[in-house]
Structures are given as structure tokens and as C-alpha cells.
Amino acid sequence: ERFAGLQPLKASVTASGDSKEISPLLMGIFFEDINYAADGGLYAELVQNRDFEYAPGENGHEKNWGPKYAWNVEGDKIDFSISTDEPLHPNNPHYARLDVKGGIATMINNGGNAFVNSGFDGITVKRGEPYRFRMKARSSKKMPMEIALVSDHGRKIASGKLTVKQSKDWQDYELIINPDEHCANATLRIVPKNTGVLDLDMVSLFPMNTF
């Protein structure tokens, strides 16, 4: 019914130029980047919008799509904004700016204050397998922090500690964490343990057992 009114079309195609024998092993490939087939799928990155470069309007189905998408703040001691001053690179102009407030003791004792990424509809991790956390960062003060994976039941299943140096320049940071249980819907939580202004970009969580 939909195409009943269309008229048939006849076309003549002539191939020219050099030819090349096609390998009998080449069966063809089809790839459509939907349902996280690329990011979060074939590409094993577990952090969604890791560089804060999602552009408003490029996803017509999600009204909140933009540089903050998949990120949120828990607690009232961290203000989260997107900044473009002195970025990591002109082609990567957006980054997260966290204004961490409150005393050091308050931050250490209040585990509810965290910068959180929800992954691609949750972060799937396996017990006993190593995961590499990486990020670019700079801070107005020396900033100790905890990097943790928290299950959908609220249990911390992996964690590690690192310290961001006081610096006006971007620095690389990395650590390895190992979950102690399987989880299909974990979240990544970055917990600052000092006051100050902390800039983050290119945040990554990658399984080490991958291709």
C-alpha cells in the first residue's frame, strides 16, 4: 500500500577502470551506531561523555543532552559547571569545573559528596578484573580524592586514591581499581577530599582485559 503509486525505474550502469579480485574471505560488514554499538559497545570506554563535548541538539530524543549529560553531583559541597577557559585543546574546548566547598573534615566524613558518571545506562564490571581509571586534571589546591565504583544497591565495590597536584597546567592521572563483585549497573564516583577549584577532562574507565 505504501509504495503502490510508485512507477518502476530502469537504470543502466557501466563499470569502468581497473578491477581487483575480491577475497573469498571478505563477506561484508554492516555497522549502525545505535544502542551504544560504538561508544559503550565495540569501544570499551565505560564513561559516557568523558570529554564533556556532547552538543545540545545533536540528540533529538534527549532534552537534557549537552556537555553535562551523564554527569551529576551528589551532596551540597560541590558546584558543577562547564568551562572553556584555557581548555586542554582548542578542539576539545569544554571541561568540568568543580568548586568544592566545606572543610576538609566535612568532605572526608561525608561520602555523599561526589561527582558521578552513570555510564551507558549503567557501568558493567566483573569481579576480580582490573579497570584503568584515567583523567586530565588541574587544581587550585592539592586535592586528594577517592575514585570509586558503587553498585546499584549503594555498595562500594571498588576504590582507589590519588592526589591532584596544585597546578595551572593540565596533568595526567591514573590508577587501577578491582571490583570485588559483578555489577551491571554501577556508577563511577569521584570524591574530592579538599576545598578548591578542580578542573577535569578526558575522564576514562577502561577494562584492562579487552582487545
N, C-alpha and C. Protein backbone atom coordinates (compact mmCIF):
# COMPACT_ATOMS: atom_id res chain seq x y z
N GLU A 1 0.82 -1.21 0.00
CA GLU A 1 0.00 0.00 0.00
C GLU A 1 0.86 1.26 0.00
N ARG A 2 1.96 1.20 0.74
CA ARG A 2 2.79 2.39 0.89
C ARG A 2 3.44 2.79 -0.43
N PHE A 3 3.82 1.81 -1.26
CA PHE A 3 4.55 2.11 -2.49
C PHE A 3 3.72 1.82 -3.74
N ALA A 4 2.40 1.69 -3.57
CA ALA A 4 1.56 1.29 -4.70
C ALA A 4 1.58 2.31 -5.83
N GLY A 5 1.78 3.58 -5.52
CA GLY A 5 1.74 4.61 -6.56
C GLY A 5 3.05 4.85 -7.27
N LEU A 6 4.13 4.17 -6.87
CA LEU A 6 5.43 4.40 -7.48
C LEU A 6 5.55 3.69 -8.81
N GLN A 7 6.23 4.33 -9.74
CA GLN A 7 6.47 3.73 -11.04
C GLN A 7 7.81 3.04 -11.06
N PRO A 8 7.94 1.95 -11.79
CA PRO A 8 9.23 1.26 -11.85
C PRO A 8 10.29 2.12 -12.52
N LEU A 9 11.53 1.90 -12.12
CA LEU A 9 12.65 2.66 -12.65
C LEU A 9 13.67 1.69 -13.22
N LYS A 10 14.07 1.95 -14.44
CA LYS A 10 15.10 1.14 -15.06
C LYS A 10 16.37 1.96 -15.17
N ALA A 11 17.51 1.36 -14.82
CA ALA A 11 18.78 2.05 -14.86
C ALA A 11 19.82 1.16 -15.52
N SER A 12 20.73 1.80 -16.19
CA SER A 12 21.83 1.09 -16.82
C SER A 12 23.14 1.58 -16.20
N VAL A 13 23.96 0.66 -15.70
CA VAL A 13 25.20 1.00 -15.04
C VAL A 13 26.36 0.36 -15.78
N THR A 14 27.36 1.18 -16.08
CA THR A 14 28.56 0.68 -16.75
C THR A 14 29.75 0.88 -15.83
N ALA A 15 30.45 -0.20 -15.53
CA ALA A 15 31.63 -0.13 -14.68
C ALA A 15 32.86 0.06 -15.54
N SER A 16 33.77 0.92 -15.12
CA SER A 16 34.98 1.14 -15.87
C SER A 16 36.16 1.28 -14.91
N GLY A 17 37.36 1.19 -15.43
CA GLY A 17 38.54 1.32 -14.59
C GLY A 17 39.12 -0.03 -14.25
N ASP A 18 40.19 0.00 -13.48
CA ASP A 18 40.86 -1.23 -13.10
C ASP A 18 39.99 -2.04 -12.14
N SER A 19 40.13 -3.33 -12.20
CA SER A 19 39.39 -4.21 -11.31
C SER A 19 40.37 -4.91 -10.37
N LYS A 20 39.82 -5.41 -9.29
CA LYS A 20 40.63 -6.13 -8.30
C LYS A 20 39.83 -7.32 -7.82
N GLU A 21 40.48 -8.45 -7.77
CA GLU A 21 39.81 -9.65 -7.30
C GLU A 21 39.42 -9.50 -5.83
N ILE A 22 38.21 -9.87 -5.51
CA ILE A 22 37.71 -9.76 -4.14
C ILE A 22 38.07 -11.03 -3.38
N SER A 23 38.60 -10.86 -2.20
CA SER A 23 38.98 -12.01 -1.38
C SER A 23 37.76 -12.87 -1.06
N PRO A 24 37.87 -14.17 -1.15
CA PRO A 24 36.75 -15.04 -0.76
C PRO A 24 36.47 -15.00 0.74
N LEU A 25 37.39 -14.43 1.51
CA LEU A 25 37.19 -14.31 2.95
C LEU A 25 36.42 -13.05 3.33
N LEU A 26 36.25 -12.14 2.37
CA LEU A 26 35.56 -10.88 2.64
C LEU A 26 34.06 -11.08 2.43
N MET A 27 33.34 -11.19 3.52
CA MET A 27 31.90 -11.47 3.44
C MET A 27 31.07 -10.20 3.55
N GLY A 28 31.70 -9.07 3.87
CA GLY A 28 30.93 -7.84 4.02
C GLY A 28 30.72 -7.52 5.48
N ILE A 29 30.36 -6.28 5.77
CA ILE A 29 30.14 -5.86 7.16
C ILE A 29 29.06 -4.78 7.19
N PHE A 30 28.27 -4.80 8.24
CA PHE A 30 27.27 -3.76 8.45
C PHE A 30 27.41 -3.25 9.87
N PHE A 31 27.47 -1.94 10.01
CA PHE A 31 27.61 -1.36 11.33
C PHE A 31 26.73 -0.12 11.42
N GLU A 32 25.84 -0.11 12.40
CA GLU A 32 24.99 1.05 12.63
C GLU A 32 25.15 1.48 14.09
N ASP A 33 25.53 2.71 14.31
CA ASP A 33 25.85 3.19 15.65
C ASP A 33 24.58 3.58 16.39
N ILE A 34 23.82 2.58 16.80
CA ILE A 34 22.64 2.80 17.65
C ILE A 34 22.77 1.89 18.86
N ASN A 35 22.05 2.23 19.93
CA ASN A 35 22.04 1.42 21.14
C ASN A 35 23.46 1.16 21.65
N TYR A 36 24.31 2.20 21.61
CA TYR A 36 25.68 2.11 22.12
C TYR A 36 26.50 1.06 21.38
N ALA A 37 26.27 0.90 20.09
CA ALA A 37 27.04 -0.08 19.31
C ALA A 37 28.51 0.31 19.24
N ALA A 38 28.81 1.60 19.23
CA ALA A 38 30.21 2.06 19.18
C ALA A 38 30.67 2.41 20.58
N ASP A 39 30.45 3.66 21.02
CA ASP A 39 30.79 4.03 22.40
C ASP A 39 29.91 3.24 23.36
N GLY A 40 30.56 2.59 24.31
CA GLY A 40 29.82 1.73 25.24
C GLY A 40 29.58 0.34 24.69
N GLY A 41 30.02 0.07 23.46
CA GLY A 41 29.83 -1.23 22.84
C GLY A 41 31.13 -1.79 22.34
N LEU A 42 31.38 -1.66 21.02
CA LEU A 42 32.64 -2.15 20.48
C LEU A 42 33.83 -1.41 21.09
N TYR A 43 33.64 -0.12 21.32
CA TYR A 43 34.68 0.65 22.03
C TYR A 43 34.42 0.49 23.52
N ALA A 44 35.41 0.02 24.24
CA ALA A 44 35.18 -0.46 25.61
C ALA A 44 35.17 0.64 26.67
N GLU A 45 35.21 1.91 26.28
CA GLU A 45 35.14 3.00 27.25
C GLU A 45 33.83 2.89 28.04
N LEU A 46 33.93 3.00 29.38
CA LEU A 46 32.76 2.83 30.24
C LEU A 46 32.18 4.15 30.74
N VAL A 47 32.91 5.26 30.54
CA VAL A 47 32.42 6.57 30.97
C VAL A 47 31.75 7.26 29.79
N GLN A 48 30.50 7.64 29.97
CA GLN A 48 29.78 8.33 28.90
C GLN A 48 30.06 9.83 28.95
N ASN A 49 30.23 10.43 27.77
CA ASN A 49 30.50 11.87 27.67
C ASN A 49 31.76 12.22 28.45
N ARG A 50 32.80 11.43 28.23
CA ARG A 50 34.02 11.52 29.04
C ARG A 50 34.77 12.83 28.86
N ASP A 51 34.53 13.53 27.73
CA ASP A 51 35.24 14.78 27.49
C ASP A 51 34.32 16.00 27.53
N PHE A 52 33.07 15.79 27.95
CA PHE A 52 32.11 16.89 28.14
C PHE A 52 31.85 17.64 26.83
N GLU A 53 31.89 16.91 25.72
CA GLU A 53 31.71 17.54 24.41
C GLU A 53 30.38 17.18 23.74
N TYR A 54 29.46 16.54 24.45
CA TYR A 54 28.13 16.33 23.87
C TYR A 54 27.53 17.70 23.55
N ALA A 55 27.01 17.86 22.34
CA ALA A 55 26.50 19.16 21.90
C ALA A 55 24.98 19.18 21.98
N PRO A 56 24.41 20.24 22.54
CA PRO A 56 22.95 20.34 22.61
C PRO A 56 22.34 20.25 21.22
N GLY A 57 21.27 19.48 21.11
CA GLY A 57 20.56 19.36 19.84
C GLY A 57 21.00 18.22 18.96
N GLU A 58 22.14 17.59 19.24
CA GLU A 58 22.58 16.50 18.37
C GLU A 58 21.82 15.21 18.66
N ASN A 59 21.13 15.14 19.78
CA ASN A 59 20.27 14.01 20.10
C ASN A 59 18.85 14.54 20.28
N GLY A 60 18.02 14.31 19.27
CA GLY A 60 16.67 14.86 19.28
C GLY A 60 15.73 14.21 20.25
N HIS A 61 16.12 13.07 20.83
CA HIS A 61 15.23 12.34 21.74
C HIS A 61 15.51 12.66 23.21
N GLU A 62 16.61 13.34 23.49
CA GLU A 62 17.00 13.59 24.87
C GLU A 62 17.12 15.09 25.11
N LYS A 63 16.17 15.64 25.87
CA LYS A 63 16.13 17.10 26.06
C LYS A 63 17.29 17.61 26.90
N ASN A 64 17.87 16.76 27.73
CA ASN A 64 18.97 17.20 28.60
C ASN A 64 20.34 16.97 27.97
N TRP A 65 20.37 16.58 26.70
CA TRP A 65 21.64 16.29 26.02
C TRP A 65 22.51 17.55 25.96
N GLY A 66 23.78 17.40 26.29
CA GLY A 66 24.70 18.53 26.27
C GLY A 66 25.96 18.17 27.04
N PRO A 67 26.85 19.15 27.31
CA PRO A 67 28.13 18.86 27.96
C PRO A 67 28.02 18.22 29.34
N LYS A 68 26.87 18.40 30.02
CA LYS A 68 26.71 17.83 31.36
C LYS A 68 26.06 16.46 31.35
N TYR A 69 25.65 15.99 30.18
CA TYR A 69 24.88 14.75 30.12
C TYR A 69 25.67 13.57 30.69
N ALA A 70 25.00 12.70 31.44
CA ALA A 70 25.54 11.50 32.10
C ALA A 70 26.35 11.82 33.34
N TRP A 71 26.50 13.11 33.69
CA TRP A 71 27.22 13.54 34.89
C TRP A 71 26.26 14.22 35.86
N ASN A 72 26.47 14.02 37.14
CA ASN A 72 25.72 14.77 38.14
C ASN A 72 26.53 14.84 39.43
N VAL A 73 26.05 15.66 40.34
CA VAL A 73 26.72 15.84 41.63
C VAL A 73 25.79 15.35 42.74
N GLU A 74 26.35 14.59 43.67
CA GLU A 74 25.62 14.19 44.86
C GLU A 74 26.14 14.99 46.05
N GLY A 75 25.24 15.47 46.87
CA GLY A 75 25.62 16.28 48.02
C GLY A 75 25.60 17.76 47.69
N ASP A 76 25.84 18.58 48.70
CA ASP A 76 25.73 20.03 48.54
C ASP A 76 27.07 20.74 48.67
N LYS A 77 28.20 19.99 48.61
CA LYS A 77 29.51 20.60 48.79
C LYS A 77 30.25 20.81 47.47
N ILE A 78 29.63 20.43 46.35
CA ILE A 78 30.29 20.55 45.06
C ILE A 78 29.38 21.28 44.09
N ASP A 79 29.87 22.36 43.50
CA ASP A 79 29.17 23.04 42.40
C ASP A 79 29.81 22.62 41.09
N PHE A 80 29.00 22.16 40.15
CA PHE A 80 29.47 21.63 38.87
C PHE A 80 29.06 22.58 37.75
N SER A 81 30.04 23.02 36.97
CA SER A 81 29.77 23.85 35.80
C SER A 81 30.67 23.40 34.66
N ILE A 82 30.33 23.85 33.45
CA ILE A 82 31.15 23.59 32.27
C ILE A 82 31.91 24.87 31.94
N SER A 83 33.23 24.74 31.77
CA SER A 83 34.07 25.90 31.48
C SER A 83 34.82 25.70 30.17
N THR A 84 35.25 26.81 29.58
CA THR A 84 36.02 26.77 28.33
C THR A 84 37.28 27.63 28.42
N ASP A 85 37.63 28.12 29.61
CA ASP A 85 38.83 28.93 29.79
C ASP A 85 40.07 28.04 29.79
N GLU A 86 41.01 28.33 28.91
CA GLU A 86 42.26 27.57 28.84
C GLU A 86 41.99 26.07 28.82
N PRO A 87 41.34 25.59 27.76
CA PRO A 87 40.99 24.17 27.69
C PRO A 87 42.21 23.30 27.42
N LEU A 88 41.97 22.01 27.47
CA LEU A 88 43.02 21.04 27.19
C LEU A 88 43.54 21.20 25.77
N HIS A 89 42.63 21.46 24.82
CA HIS A 89 42.99 21.66 23.42
C HIS A 89 41.86 22.45 22.75
N PRO A 90 42.15 23.30 21.76
CA PRO A 90 41.09 24.06 21.10
C PRO A 90 40.01 23.18 20.47
N ASN A 91 40.38 21.95 20.07
CA ASN A 91 39.38 21.04 19.50
C ASN A 91 38.58 20.31 20.57
N ASN A 92 38.94 20.53 21.82
CA ASN A 92 38.23 19.91 22.94
C ASN A 92 37.97 21.01 23.99
N PRO A 93 37.08 21.96 23.65
CA PRO A 93 37.01 23.20 24.43
C PRO A 93 36.31 23.10 25.77
N HIS A 94 35.46 22.09 25.99
CA HIS A 94 34.69 22.03 27.22
C HIS A 94 35.37 21.12 28.25
N TYR A 95 35.24 21.48 29.51
CA TYR A 95 35.69 20.62 30.58
C TYR A 95 34.85 20.90 31.82
N ALA A 96 34.92 19.99 32.80
CA ALA A 96 34.16 20.14 34.03
C ALA A 96 34.93 20.97 35.03
N ARG A 97 34.26 21.91 35.65
CA ARG A 97 34.84 22.68 36.73
C ARG A 97 34.05 22.39 38.01
N LEU A 98 34.74 21.88 39.01
CA LEU A 98 34.13 21.57 40.30
C LEU A 98 34.62 22.55 41.35
N ASP A 99 33.70 23.29 41.93
CA ASP A 99 34.02 24.19 43.04
C ASP A 99 33.67 23.44 44.32
N VAL A 100 34.69 22.93 45.00
CA VAL A 100 34.48 22.09 46.17
C VAL A 100 34.51 22.97 47.41
N LYS A 101 33.42 22.92 48.17
CA LYS A 101 33.27 23.80 49.33
C LYS A 101 33.20 22.98 50.61
N GLY A 102 33.36 23.64 51.77
CA GLY A 102 33.28 22.96 53.05
C GLY A 102 34.65 22.55 53.54
N GLY A 103 34.75 22.26 54.81
CA GLY A 103 36.03 21.90 55.41
C GLY A 103 36.50 20.53 54.98
N ILE A 104 37.81 20.31 55.16
CA ILE A 104 38.39 19.02 54.78
C ILE A 104 37.73 17.89 55.55
N ALA A 105 37.58 18.06 56.88
CA ALA A 105 36.99 17.00 57.69
C ALA A 105 35.57 16.68 57.23
N THR A 106 34.84 17.73 56.85
CA THR A 106 33.48 17.51 56.36
C THR A 106 33.50 16.66 55.10
N MET A 107 34.41 16.95 54.20
CA MET A 107 34.47 16.20 52.95
C MET A 107 34.88 14.75 53.19
N ILE A 108 35.85 14.53 54.08
CA ILE A 108 36.31 13.17 54.34
C ILE A 108 35.21 12.35 54.99
N ASN A 109 34.48 12.94 55.90
CA ASN A 109 33.47 12.20 56.64
C ASN A 109 32.13 12.12 55.91
N ASN A 110 31.97 12.90 54.85
CA ASN A 110 30.70 12.91 54.13
C ASN A 110 30.90 12.27 52.77
N GLY A 111 30.72 10.96 52.72
CA GLY A 111 30.91 10.24 51.46
C GLY A 111 29.85 10.53 50.43
N GLY A 112 28.79 11.26 50.80
CA GLY A 112 27.72 11.53 49.85
C GLY A 112 28.06 12.60 48.83
N ASN A 113 29.13 13.36 49.06
CA ASN A 113 29.52 14.39 48.12
C ASN A 113 30.44 13.79 47.07
N ALA A 114 29.95 13.73 45.83
CA ALA A 114 30.71 13.07 44.77
C ALA A 114 30.30 13.60 43.42
N PHE A 115 31.22 13.49 42.48
CA PHE A 115 30.98 13.80 41.07
C PHE A 115 30.76 12.45 40.39
N VAL A 116 29.60 12.25 39.79
CA VAL A 116 29.14 10.91 39.42
C VAL A 116 28.88 10.80 37.92
N ASN A 117 29.35 9.69 37.33
CA ASN A 117 29.01 9.36 35.95
C ASN A 117 28.22 8.06 35.93
N SER A 118 27.12 8.05 35.16
CA SER A 118 26.21 6.90 35.14
C SER A 118 26.54 5.91 34.04
N GLY A 119 27.57 6.21 33.22
CA GLY A 119 27.93 5.28 32.16
C GLY A 119 26.87 5.22 31.07
N PHE A 120 26.88 4.13 30.33
CA PHE A 120 25.91 3.92 29.26
C PHE A 120 24.77 3.06 29.81
N ASP A 121 23.79 3.74 30.44
CA ASP A 121 22.72 3.03 31.16
C ASP A 121 23.31 2.12 32.22
N GLY A 122 24.27 2.63 32.95
CA GLY A 122 24.96 1.86 33.98
C GLY A 122 26.32 1.40 33.50
N ILE A 123 27.22 1.13 34.44
CA ILE A 123 28.56 0.67 34.13
C ILE A 123 28.64 -0.81 34.52
N THR A 124 28.97 -1.66 33.56
CA THR A 124 29.08 -3.10 33.81
C THR A 124 30.52 -3.46 34.12
N VAL A 125 30.74 -4.08 35.26
CA VAL A 125 32.08 -4.51 35.66
C VAL A 125 32.01 -5.95 36.18
N LYS A 126 33.16 -6.63 36.14
CA LYS A 126 33.25 -8.02 36.58
C LYS A 126 34.18 -8.13 37.78
N ARG A 127 33.80 -9.00 38.70
CA ARG A 127 34.58 -9.20 39.91
C ARG A 127 35.98 -9.71 39.59
N GLY A 128 36.97 -9.10 40.22
CA GLY A 128 38.34 -9.57 40.11
C GLY A 128 39.08 -9.12 38.87
N GLU A 129 38.41 -8.42 37.96
CA GLU A 129 39.09 -7.94 36.75
C GLU A 129 39.56 -6.50 36.96
N PRO A 130 40.74 -6.14 36.47
CA PRO A 130 41.26 -4.80 36.68
C PRO A 130 40.69 -3.79 35.68
N TYR A 131 40.47 -2.58 36.17
CA TYR A 131 39.97 -1.47 35.35
C TYR A 131 40.89 -0.28 35.55
N ARG A 132 41.25 0.36 34.44
CA ARG A 132 42.16 1.50 34.50
C ARG A 132 41.35 2.80 34.46
N PHE A 133 41.50 3.60 35.51
CA PHE A 133 40.90 4.94 35.56
C PHE A 133 41.95 5.95 35.14
N ARG A 134 41.55 6.86 34.25
CA ARG A 134 42.44 7.93 33.81
C ARG A 134 41.67 9.24 33.74
N MET A 135 42.40 10.34 33.87
CA MET A 135 41.79 11.65 33.69
C MET A 135 42.88 12.70 33.50
N LYS A 136 42.49 13.82 32.93
CA LYS A 136 43.30 15.03 32.90
C LYS A 136 42.72 15.96 33.97
N ALA A 137 43.60 16.59 34.74
CA ALA A 137 43.10 17.44 35.83
C ALA A 137 44.09 18.54 36.15
N ARG A 138 43.55 19.58 36.77
CA ARG A 138 44.35 20.65 37.37
C ARG A 138 43.54 21.20 38.53
N SER A 139 44.22 21.77 39.52
CA SER A 139 43.52 22.17 40.73
C SER A 139 44.15 23.41 41.33
N SER A 140 43.33 24.22 41.99
CA SER A 140 43.82 25.43 42.66
C SER A 140 44.54 25.08 43.96
N LYS A 141 44.32 23.86 44.47
CA LYS A 141 44.98 23.38 45.68
C LYS A 141 45.33 21.91 45.51
N LYS A 142 46.21 21.43 46.35
CA LYS A 142 46.45 19.99 46.41
C LYS A 142 45.13 19.31 46.74
N MET A 143 44.72 18.34 45.90
CA MET A 143 43.38 17.78 46.01
C MET A 143 43.43 16.25 46.10
N PRO A 144 43.51 15.68 47.31
CA PRO A 144 43.36 14.24 47.44
C PRO A 144 41.93 13.85 47.08
N MET A 145 41.76 12.68 46.52
CA MET A 145 40.42 12.23 46.15
C MET A 145 40.35 10.72 46.13
N GLU A 146 39.13 10.24 46.22
CA GLU A 146 38.85 8.81 46.10
C GLU A 146 38.10 8.57 44.80
N ILE A 147 38.49 7.53 44.09
CA ILE A 147 37.80 7.09 42.88
C ILE A 147 37.11 5.78 43.21
N ALA A 148 35.81 5.71 43.04
CA ALA A 148 35.08 4.53 43.48
C ALA A 148 34.05 4.09 42.46
N LEU A 149 33.78 2.79 42.44
CA LEU A 149 32.64 2.21 41.74
C LEU A 149 31.63 1.80 42.79
N VAL A 150 30.39 2.23 42.62
CA VAL A 150 29.33 1.93 43.57
C VAL A 150 28.23 1.17 42.85
N SER A 151 27.78 0.08 43.44
CA SER A 151 26.75 -0.75 42.81
C SER A 151 25.40 -0.07 42.88
N ASP A 152 24.43 -0.64 42.15
CA ASP A 152 23.08 -0.09 42.17
C ASP A 152 22.39 -0.32 43.52
N HIS A 153 23.01 -1.10 44.40
CA HIS A 153 22.49 -1.28 45.76
C HIS A 153 23.17 -0.33 46.75
N GLY A 154 24.04 0.55 46.23
CA GLY A 154 24.70 1.53 47.09
C GLY A 154 25.95 1.04 47.76
N ARG A 155 26.47 -0.12 47.36
CA ARG A 155 27.68 -0.67 47.98
C ARG A 155 28.90 -0.29 47.17
N LYS A 156 29.97 0.14 47.86
CA LYS A 156 31.23 0.42 47.20
C LYS A 156 31.89 -0.90 46.83
N ILE A 157 32.08 -1.15 45.54
CA ILE A 157 32.63 -2.43 45.09
C ILE A 157 34.07 -2.31 44.60
N ALA A 158 34.56 -1.10 44.45
CA ALA A 158 35.97 -0.88 44.06
C ALA A 158 36.33 0.56 44.39
N SER A 159 37.58 0.78 44.76
CA SER A 159 38.00 2.15 45.04
C SER A 159 39.51 2.26 45.01
N GLY A 160 39.97 3.47 44.85
CA GLY A 160 41.40 3.77 44.88
C GLY A 160 41.56 5.25 45.20
N LYS A 161 42.78 5.65 45.55
CA LYS A 161 43.04 7.03 45.93
C LYS A 161 44.15 7.61 45.08
N LEU A 162 44.01 8.88 44.78
CA LEU A 162 45.06 9.63 44.10
C LEU A 162 44.98 11.08 44.55
N THR A 163 46.02 11.84 44.23
CA THR A 163 46.07 13.25 44.62
C THR A 163 46.41 14.10 43.42
N VAL A 164 45.55 15.08 43.14
CA VAL A 164 45.80 16.03 42.06
C VAL A 164 46.69 17.14 42.61
N LYS A 165 47.76 17.43 41.90
CA LYS A 165 48.69 18.47 42.32
C LYS A 165 48.09 19.85 42.13
N GLN A 166 48.53 20.79 42.94
CA GLN A 166 48.18 22.19 42.70
C GLN A 166 48.94 22.64 41.46
N SER A 167 48.21 23.02 40.44
CA SER A 167 48.86 23.39 39.17
C SER A 167 47.88 24.13 38.28
N LYS A 168 48.43 25.05 37.47
CA LYS A 168 47.64 25.73 36.46
C LYS A 168 47.66 24.98 35.14
N ASP A 169 48.47 23.94 35.06
CA ASP A 169 48.60 23.17 33.83
C ASP A 169 47.90 21.83 33.98
N TRP A 170 47.41 21.31 32.86
CA TRP A 170 46.77 20.00 32.85
C TRP A 170 47.80 18.92 33.12
N GLN A 171 47.44 17.97 33.96
CA GLN A 171 48.30 16.84 34.29
C GLN A 171 47.53 15.53 34.09
N ASP A 172 48.27 14.45 33.82
CA ASP A 172 47.68 13.12 33.66
C ASP A 172 47.66 12.39 34.99
N TYR A 173 46.54 11.69 35.25
CA TYR A 173 46.42 10.89 36.47
C TYR A 173 45.82 9.53 36.11
N GLU A 174 46.26 8.51 36.85
CA GLU A 174 45.83 7.15 36.52
C GLU A 174 45.90 6.27 37.76
N LEU A 175 44.98 5.32 37.86
CA LEU A 175 45.07 4.28 38.87
C LEU A 175 44.29 3.06 38.40
N ILE A 176 44.57 1.92 39.03
CA ILE A 176 43.90 0.66 38.71
C ILE A 176 42.98 0.29 39.87
N ILE A 177 41.74 -0.05 39.56
CA ILE A 177 40.81 -0.50 40.59
C ILE A 177 40.27 -1.87 40.21
N ASN A 178 39.92 -2.66 41.23
CA ASN A 178 39.47 -4.04 41.02
C ASN A 178 38.16 -4.28 41.77
N PRO A 179 37.04 -4.42 41.07
CA PRO A 179 35.76 -4.68 41.75
C PRO A 179 35.78 -6.02 42.48
N ASP A 180 35.10 -6.07 43.63
CA ASP A 180 35.02 -7.32 44.37
C ASP A 180 33.69 -8.04 44.15
N GLU A 181 32.89 -7.54 43.20
CA GLU A 181 31.68 -8.25 42.82
C GLU A 181 31.27 -7.83 41.41
N HIS A 182 30.48 -8.71 40.77
CA HIS A 182 29.92 -8.38 39.46
C HIS A 182 28.84 -7.32 39.64
N CYS A 183 28.72 -6.43 38.66
CA CYS A 183 27.65 -5.43 38.69
C CYS A 183 27.37 -4.96 37.28
N ALA A 184 26.11 -4.91 36.90
CA ALA A 184 25.70 -4.47 35.56
C ALA A 184 25.22 -3.03 35.56
N ASN A 185 25.16 -2.40 36.73
CA ASN A 185 24.59 -1.05 36.79
C ASN A 185 25.30 -0.21 37.83
N ALA A 186 26.63 -0.20 37.78
CA ALA A 186 27.41 0.59 38.73
C ALA A 186 27.52 2.04 38.27
N THR A 187 27.95 2.91 39.17
CA THR A 187 28.26 4.29 38.83
C THR A 187 29.71 4.58 39.24
N LEU A 188 30.33 5.49 38.51
CA LEU A 188 31.67 5.96 38.85
C LEU A 188 31.54 7.22 39.68
N ARG A 189 32.25 7.26 40.82
CA ARG A 189 32.16 8.41 41.70
C ARG A 189 33.55 8.96 42.00
N ILE A 190 33.72 10.24 41.75
CA ILE A 190 34.95 10.96 42.05
C ILE A 190 34.67 11.81 43.28
N VAL A 191 35.39 11.55 44.36
CA VAL A 191 35.11 12.20 45.64
C VAL A 191 36.30 13.07 46.04
N PRO A 192 36.23 14.39 45.87
CA PRO A 192 37.31 15.28 46.32
C PRO A 192 37.36 15.33 47.84
N LYS A 193 38.58 15.48 48.39
CA LYS A 193 38.74 15.49 49.84
C LYS A 193 39.35 16.80 50.35
N ASN A 194 39.23 17.86 49.56
CA ASN A 194 39.72 19.16 49.99
C ASN A 194 38.85 20.23 49.33
N THR A 195 38.93 21.44 49.82
CA THR A 195 38.25 22.54 49.15
C THR A 195 39.11 23.06 48.01
N GLY A 196 38.48 23.79 47.09
CA GLY A 196 39.23 24.37 45.98
C GLY A 196 38.49 24.19 44.67
N VAL A 197 39.11 24.69 43.61
CA VAL A 197 38.55 24.58 42.26
C VAL A 197 39.31 23.50 41.52
N LEU A 198 38.57 22.51 41.05
CA LEU A 198 39.15 21.35 40.38
C LEU A 198 38.60 21.26 38.96
N ASP A 199 39.48 21.22 37.96
CA ASP A 199 39.09 21.06 36.56
C ASP A 199 39.39 19.63 36.11
N LEU A 200 38.44 19.02 35.41
CA LEU A 200 38.59 17.64 34.94
C LEU A 200 38.23 17.55 33.47
N ASP A 201 38.95 16.69 32.74
CA ASP A 201 38.63 16.42 31.34
C ASP A 201 39.14 15.03 30.99
N MET A 202 38.62 14.47 29.91
CA MET A 202 39.03 13.16 29.39
C MET A 202 39.03 12.11 30.50
N VAL A 203 37.92 12.03 31.22
CA VAL A 203 37.78 11.05 32.30
C VAL A 203 37.47 9.68 31.68
N SER A 204 38.21 8.67 32.10
CA SER A 204 38.10 7.36 31.44
C SER A 204 38.11 6.23 32.46
N LEU A 205 37.29 5.21 32.18
CA LEU A 205 37.36 3.95 32.90
C LEU A 205 37.33 2.85 31.85
N PHE A 206 38.41 2.07 31.80
CA PHE A 206 38.58 1.13 30.69
C PHE A 206 38.97 -0.24 31.24
N PRO A 207 38.31 -1.31 30.81
CA PRO A 207 38.73 -2.64 31.25
C PRO A 207 40.11 -2.96 30.68
N MET A 208 40.97 -3.52 31.51
CA MET A 208 42.31 -3.88 31.02
C MET A 208 42.27 -5.18 30.22
N ASN A 209 41.26 -6.01 30.49
CA ASN A 209 41.09 -7.25 29.72
C ASN A 209 40.19 -6.97 28.53
N THR A 210 40.75 -6.42 27.49
CA THR A 210 39.97 -6.08 26.31
C THR A 210 40.85 -6.23 25.09
N PHE A 211 40.33 -5.85 23.94
CA PHE A 211 41.04 -6.01 22.68
C PHE A 211 41.43 -4.64 22.13
